[in-house]
Amino acid sequence: MSQQIRDYIERVWNQGRTAEADRFVAEDLIQHNPHLPDGRKPLADFIDGFRAQLPGARFEIRRLAAEGDLVFVHSLFTAEPGHRGTAVVDVFRLSEGRIAEHWDLREDVPETTASGNATV
């Protein structure tokens, strides 16, 4: 499961190979991101538009864990090289070998933190 999610993020999001989305994402994906409707096709269409606007965008996985049918990914998203980035946590529920449900949270990476510890 973990490698499948790594491959999904690299191929579909980072490389924009949305034609491969059917390999990773269920057709009837349940989406909890408030800006996206349910379904694989709306997700692929969103990624195509996103990549057209931000061709240098990239998710760099920092941490990944799995429990049961869930995979948790903590990554650094950068819109373009040199961008400070956004800390992202994605939660994927897999069913029958595909992503069946998705949640995500984002927070801009600050210049400094009170603790001195990085957010990603």
C-alpha atoms as a PDB file:
ATOM      1  CA  MET A   1       0.000   0.000   0.000  1.00  0.00           C
ATOM      2  CA  SER A   2       2.712   2.472   0.922  1.00  0.00           C
ATOM      3  CA  GLN A   3       4.595   2.014  -2.355  1.00  0.00           C
ATOM      4  CA  GLN A   4       1.357   2.384  -4.291  1.00  0.00           C
ATOM      5  CA  ILE A   5       0.735   5.782  -2.666  1.00  0.00           C
ATOM      6  CA  ARG A   6       4.350   6.835  -3.307  1.00  0.00           C
ATOM      7  CA  ASP A   7       3.922   5.890  -6.976  1.00  0.00           C
ATOM      8  CA  TYR A   8       0.571   7.704  -7.166  1.00  0.00           C
ATOM      9  CA  ILE A   9       2.013  10.954  -5.806  1.00  0.00           C
ATOM     10  CA  GLU A  10       5.093  10.766  -8.018  1.00  0.00           C
ATOM     11  CA  ARG A  11       3.426   9.735 -11.265  1.00  0.00           C
ATOM     12  CA  VAL A  12       0.017  11.368 -11.140  1.00  0.00           C
ATOM     13  CA  TRP A  13       0.752  14.552  -9.138  1.00  0.00           C
ATOM     14  CA  ASN A  14       4.452  15.272  -9.692  1.00  0.00           C
ATOM     15  CA  GLN A  15       4.696  14.054 -13.292  1.00  0.00           C
ATOM     16  CA  GLY A  16       1.107  14.878 -14.291  1.00  0.00           C
ATOM     17  CA  ARG A  17       0.474  11.424 -15.730  1.00  0.00           C
ATOM     18  CA  THR A  18      -3.268  11.578 -15.092  1.00  0.00           C
ATOM     19  CA  ALA A  19      -3.947   8.898 -17.707  1.00  0.00           C
ATOM     20  CA  GLU A  20      -2.611   6.516 -15.031  1.00  0.00           C
ATOM     21  CA  ALA A  21      -5.130   7.701 -12.409  1.00  0.00           C
ATOM     22  CA  ASP A  22      -7.383   4.682 -13.023  1.00  0.00           C
ATOM     23  CA  ARG A  23      -4.534   2.471 -11.805  1.00  0.00           C
ATOM     24  CA  PHE A  24      -4.465   4.252  -8.432  1.00  0.00           C
ATOM     25  CA  VAL A  25      -7.854   5.881  -7.810  1.00  0.00           C
ATOM     26  CA  ALA A  26     -11.330   4.332  -7.615  1.00  0.00           C
ATOM     27  CA  GLU A  27     -13.791   5.718 -10.143  1.00  0.00           C
ATOM     28  CA  ASP A  28     -16.182   6.644  -7.318  1.00  0.00           C
ATOM     29  CA  LEU A  29     -13.529   8.270  -5.083  1.00  0.00           C
ATOM     30  CA  ILE A  30     -15.015   9.908  -1.978  1.00  0.00           C
ATOM     31  CA  GLN A  31     -13.333  13.298  -1.659  1.00  0.00           C
ATOM     32  CA  HIS A  32     -13.198  15.239   1.631  1.00  0.00           C
ATOM     33  CA  ASN A  33     -11.200  18.163   0.208  1.00  0.00           C
ATOM     34  CA  PRO A  34     -13.807  20.979   0.271  1.00  0.00           C
ATOM     35  CA  HIS A  35     -12.684  22.267  -3.148  1.00  0.00           C
ATOM     36  CA  LEU A  36     -13.060  19.015  -5.105  1.00  0.00           C
ATOM     37  CA  PRO A  37     -16.112  16.940  -6.014  1.00  0.00           C
ATOM     38  CA  ASP A  38     -16.203  13.157  -5.652  1.00  0.00           C
ATOM     39  CA  GLY A  39     -14.885  10.930  -8.432  1.00  0.00           C
ATOM     40  CA  ARG A  40     -11.673  10.039 -10.257  1.00  0.00           C
ATOM     41  CA  LYS A  41     -12.380  12.114 -13.376  1.00  0.00           C
ATOM     42  CA  PRO A  42     -12.867  15.434 -11.532  1.00  0.00           C
ATOM     43  CA  LEU A  43      -9.606  14.757  -9.664  1.00  0.00           C
ATOM     44  CA  ALA A  44      -7.694  14.013 -12.886  1.00  0.00           C
ATOM     45  CA  ASP A  45      -9.171  17.130 -14.523  1.00  0.00           C
ATOM     46  CA  PHE A  46      -8.126  19.215 -11.510  1.00  0.00           C
ATOM     47  CA  ILE A  47      -4.572  17.837 -11.628  1.00  0.00           C
ATOM     48  CA  ASP A  48      -4.317  18.583 -15.366  1.00  0.00           C
ATOM     49  CA  GLY A  49      -5.356  22.212 -14.778  1.00  0.00           C
ATOM     50  CA  PHE A  50      -3.145  22.494 -11.719  1.00  0.00           C
ATOM     51  CA  ARG A  51      -0.082  21.201 -13.596  1.00  0.00           C
ATOM     52  CA  ALA A  52      -0.792  23.571 -16.517  1.00  0.00           C
ATOM     53  CA  GLN A  53      -0.696  26.539 -14.110  1.00  0.00           C
ATOM     54  CA  LEU A  54       2.175  25.251 -11.952  1.00  0.00           C
ATOM     55  CA  PRO A  55       4.370  22.946 -14.061  1.00  0.00           C
ATOM     56  CA  GLY A  56       7.190  23.048 -11.481  1.00  0.00           C
ATOM     57  CA  ALA A  57       4.948  22.044  -8.565  1.00  0.00           C
ATOM     58  CA  ARG A  58       6.101  19.069  -6.527  1.00  0.00           C
ATOM     59  CA  PHE A  59       5.191  17.015  -3.475  1.00  0.00           C
ATOM     60  CA  GLU A  60       8.199  15.716  -1.546  1.00  0.00           C
ATOM     61  CA  ILE A  61       7.185  12.951   0.840  1.00  0.00           C
ATOM     62  CA  ARG A  62       8.822  13.377   4.244  1.00  0.00           C
ATOM     63  CA  ARG A  63       6.900  10.756   6.235  1.00  0.00           C
ATOM     64  CA  LEU A  64       4.525   7.943   5.335  1.00  0.00           C
ATOM     65  CA  ALA A  65       2.739   5.446   7.578  1.00  0.00           C
ATOM     66  CA  ALA A  66       0.010   2.874   7.098  1.00  0.00           C
ATOM     67  CA  GLU A  67      -2.505   1.295   9.421  1.00  0.00           C
ATOM     68  CA  GLY A  68      -5.169  -1.084   8.215  1.00  0.00           C
ATOM     69  CA  ASP A  69      -6.652   0.321   5.005  1.00  0.00           C
ATOM     70  CA  LEU A  70      -5.328   3.858   5.678  1.00  0.00           C
ATOM     71  CA  VAL A  71      -2.116   5.491   4.455  1.00  0.00           C
ATOM     72  CA  PHE A  72      -0.936   8.779   5.993  1.00  0.00           C
ATOM     73  CA  VAL A  73       1.478  11.022   4.080  1.00  0.00           C
ATOM     74  CA  HIS A  74       3.253  14.127   5.429  1.00  0.00           C
ATOM     75  CA  SER A  75       4.858  16.031   2.587  1.00  0.00           C
ATOM     76  CA  LEU A  76       6.321  19.352   1.537  1.00  0.00           C
ATOM     77  CA  PHE A  77       4.517  20.919  -1.407  1.00  0.00           C
ATOM     78  CA  THR A  78       6.402  23.533  -3.420  1.00  0.00           C
ATOM     79  CA  ALA A  79       4.690  25.462  -6.204  1.00  0.00           C
ATOM     80  CA  GLU A  80       7.994  26.200  -7.918  1.00  0.00           C
ATOM     81  CA  PRO A  81      11.703  25.868  -7.184  1.00  0.00           C
ATOM     82  CA  GLY A  82      12.733  28.174  -4.351  1.00  0.00           C
ATOM     83  CA  HIS A  83       9.201  28.401  -2.896  1.00  0.00           C
ATOM     84  CA  ARG A  84       9.206  27.975   0.915  1.00  0.00           C
ATOM     85  CA  GLY A  85       6.317  25.581   0.548  1.00  0.00           C
ATOM     86  CA  THR A  86       3.319  24.174   2.291  1.00  0.00           C
ATOM     87  CA  ALA A  87       3.218  21.323   4.787  1.00  0.00           C
ATOM     88  CA  VAL A  88       0.564  18.836   3.654  1.00  0.00           C
ATOM     89  CA  VAL A  89      -0.954  15.817   5.375  1.00  0.00           C
ATOM     90  CA  ASP A  90      -2.962  13.462   3.171  1.00  0.00           C
ATOM     91  CA  VAL A  91      -4.950  10.503   4.434  1.00  0.00           C
ATOM     92  CA  PHE A  92      -5.920   7.873   1.891  1.00  0.00           C
ATOM     93  CA  ARG A  93      -8.309   4.963   2.462  1.00  0.00           C
ATOM     94  CA  LEU A  94      -7.686   2.115   0.059  1.00  0.00           C
ATOM     95  CA  SER A  95     -10.212  -0.463  -1.064  1.00  0.00           C
ATOM     96  CA  GLU A  96      -9.691  -3.200  -3.639  1.00  0.00           C
ATOM     97  CA  GLY A  97      -6.207  -1.834  -4.374  1.00  0.00           C
ATOM     98  CA  ARG A  98      -7.266   1.734  -5.181  1.00  0.00           C
ATOM     99  CA  ILE A  99      -7.701   5.009  -3.324  1.00  0.00           C
ATOM    100  CA  ALA A 100     -11.353   5.011  -2.292  1.00  0.00           C
ATOM    101  CA  GLU A 101     -11.386   8.027   0.021  1.00  0.00           C
ATOM    102  CA  HIS A 102      -9.159  11.067   0.608  1.00  0.00           C
ATOM    103  CA  TRP A 103      -8.712  13.764   3.280  1.00  0.00           C
ATOM    104  CA  ASP A 104      -6.061  16.510   3.371  1.00  0.00           C
ATOM    105  CA  LEU A 105      -4.826  19.376   5.522  1.00  0.00           C
ATOM    106  CA  ARG A 106      -2.393  22.147   4.564  1.00  0.00           C
ATOM    107  CA  GLU A 107      -0.353  24.796   6.373  1.00  0.00           C
ATOM    108  CA  ASP A 108       2.089  27.280   4.852  1.00  0.00           C
ATOM    109  CA  VAL A 109       5.642  26.701   6.024  1.00  0.00           C
ATOM    110  CA  PRO A 110       6.587  29.668   8.246  1.00  0.00           C
ATOM    111  CA  GLU A 111       9.954  31.419   8.192  1.00  0.00           C
ATOM    112  CA  THR A 112      10.491  30.528  11.851  1.00  0.00           C
ATOM    113  CA  THR A 113       8.734  28.572  14.594  1.00  0.00           C
ATOM    114  CA  ALA A 114       8.570  29.250  18.334  1.00  0.00           C
ATOM    115  CA  SER A 115      10.239  25.887  19.016  1.00  0.00           C
ATOM    116  CA  GLY A 116      12.842  26.189  16.286  1.00  0.00           C
ATOM    117  CA  ASN A 117      11.598  22.893  14.822  1.00  0.00           C
ATOM    118  CA  ALA A 118      10.605  22.629  11.164  1.00  0.00           C
ATOM    119  CA  THR A 119       6.980  21.952  10.230  1.00  0.00           C
ATOM    120  CA  VAL A 120       7.986  19.362   7.607  1.00  0.00           C
END
